[in-house]
Protein backbone atom coordinates (compact mmCIF):
# COMPACT_ATOMS: atom_id res chain seq x y z
CA MET A 1 -6.86 -10.93 -20.86
CA ARG A 2 -5.40 -8.12 -18.98
CA VAL A 3 -4.35 -6.01 -21.91
CA THR A 4 -7.87 -6.72 -23.30
CA LEU A 5 -9.25 -5.07 -20.02
CA VAL A 6 -6.97 -2.34 -20.13
CA ALA A 7 -7.67 -1.58 -23.84
CA LEU A 8 -11.58 -1.95 -23.01
CA SER A 9 -11.48 0.62 -19.92
CA LEU A 10 -9.45 3.13 -21.95
CA ALA A 11 -11.94 2.96 -24.80
CA LEU A 12 -14.88 3.45 -22.35
CA ILE A 13 -12.76 6.48 -20.75
CA ALA A 14 -11.88 7.99 -24.14
CA THR A 15 -15.82 7.54 -25.62
CA SER A 16 -17.36 9.33 -22.20
CA ALA A 17 -14.65 11.83 -22.29
CA ALA A 18 -15.34 12.71 -25.94
CA ALA A 19 -19.08 13.18 -25.71
CA GLY A 20 -18.25 16.08 -23.32
CA GLN A 21 -15.21 17.26 -25.38
CA THR A 22 -15.08 20.19 -27.86
CA ALA A 23 -12.31 20.00 -30.77
CA ASP A 24 -10.31 22.80 -29.09
CA ARG A 25 -9.87 20.77 -25.85
CA ALA A 26 -8.60 17.61 -27.71
CA MET A 27 -6.13 15.14 -26.00
CA THR A 28 -3.80 12.54 -27.49
CA VAL A 29 -3.05 9.46 -25.34
CA PHE A 30 -0.16 6.98 -26.06
CA VAL A 31 -0.79 3.88 -24.40
CA THR A 32 1.81 0.58 -24.35
CA ALA A 33 0.83 -2.72 -23.48
CA SER A 34 3.25 -4.91 -21.30
CA GLU A 35 3.12 -8.03 -19.84
CA PRO A 36 3.43 -8.38 -16.07
CA THR A 37 6.65 -9.69 -14.99
CA ARG A 38 6.58 -13.17 -12.77
CA GLN A 39 8.46 -12.92 -9.44
CA ALA A 40 11.18 -15.40 -8.62
CA LYS A 41 10.18 -17.50 -5.82
CA PRO A 42 12.14 -16.28 -2.72
CA THR A 43 15.17 -18.36 -1.67
CA GLU A 44 15.33 -20.00 1.89
CA ALA A 45 17.91 -17.31 3.13
CA VAL A 46 15.60 -14.56 1.81
CA ARG A 47 12.58 -16.18 3.34
CA GLN A 48 14.70 -16.43 6.89
CA GLN A 49 15.47 -12.83 6.93
CA ALA A 50 12.15 -11.59 6.23
CA SER A 51 10.78 -13.98 9.02
CA ALA A 52 13.62 -12.37 11.47
CA ALA A 53 12.60 -8.80 10.49
CA ILE A 54 9.03 -9.41 11.53
CA ASP A 55 9.95 -10.94 14.71
CA ALA A 56 12.20 -8.29 15.80
CA ALA A 57 9.60 -5.55 14.82
CA GLN A 58 7.14 -7.52 16.65
CA THR A 59 9.21 -7.65 19.72
CA VAL A 60 9.84 -3.93 19.52
CA ARG A 61 6.15 -3.15 19.32
CA LYS A 62 5.04 -5.49 22.11
CA ASP A 63 8.03 -3.89 24.45
CA LEU A 64 6.74 -0.70 23.34
CA ASP A 65 3.29 -1.45 24.22
CA ARG A 66 4.20 -2.91 27.93
CA ASP A 67 5.92 -0.23 28.71
CA LEU A 68 3.43 2.43 27.95
CA LYS A 69 0.78 0.43 29.59
CA ALA A 70 2.86 0.49 32.85
CA GLN A 71 3.42 4.26 32.38
CA PHE A 72 -0.05 5.54 31.30
CA GLY A 73 -2.57 2.42 32.15
CA ASN A 74 -4.43 -0.05 30.13
CA ARG A 75 -6.87 2.42 28.83
CA ARG A 76 -5.42 3.51 25.24
CA ASP A 77 -8.17 6.17 25.38
CA LYS A 78 -6.56 8.03 28.16
CA TRP A 79 -3.13 8.04 27.04
CA PRO A 80 -1.64 11.13 25.76
CA ALA A 81 -1.92 11.33 21.89
CA GLU A 82 1.79 11.17 21.45
CA ALA A 83 2.16 7.91 23.20
CA ARG A 84 -1.08 6.74 20.77
CA GLU A 85 0.89 7.74 17.85
CA ARG A 86 4.09 6.03 19.06
CA VAL A 87 2.03 2.59 19.36
CA ARG A 88 0.59 3.44 15.75
CA GLY A 89 4.19 3.51 14.23
CA GLY A 90 3.90 7.42 13.71
């Protein structure tokens, strides 16, 4: 199904491009169809590791937010640009 949609899309693109294309601007396109690979179900150890990483990141973000609120107040629109950028992750 997916290969059919890709082929149909490419045919439409080629048709619309050919309508406005002259012979001196021809282009050759090579397309190879492939089946999507199935992803294996993560193991419990991998799931726990990812969960621990998410929890650690959330803790760091909450601590940063708390510290910046203590320093600059609750209204983020009044914070300096550098502080807002730090909260956004930049």
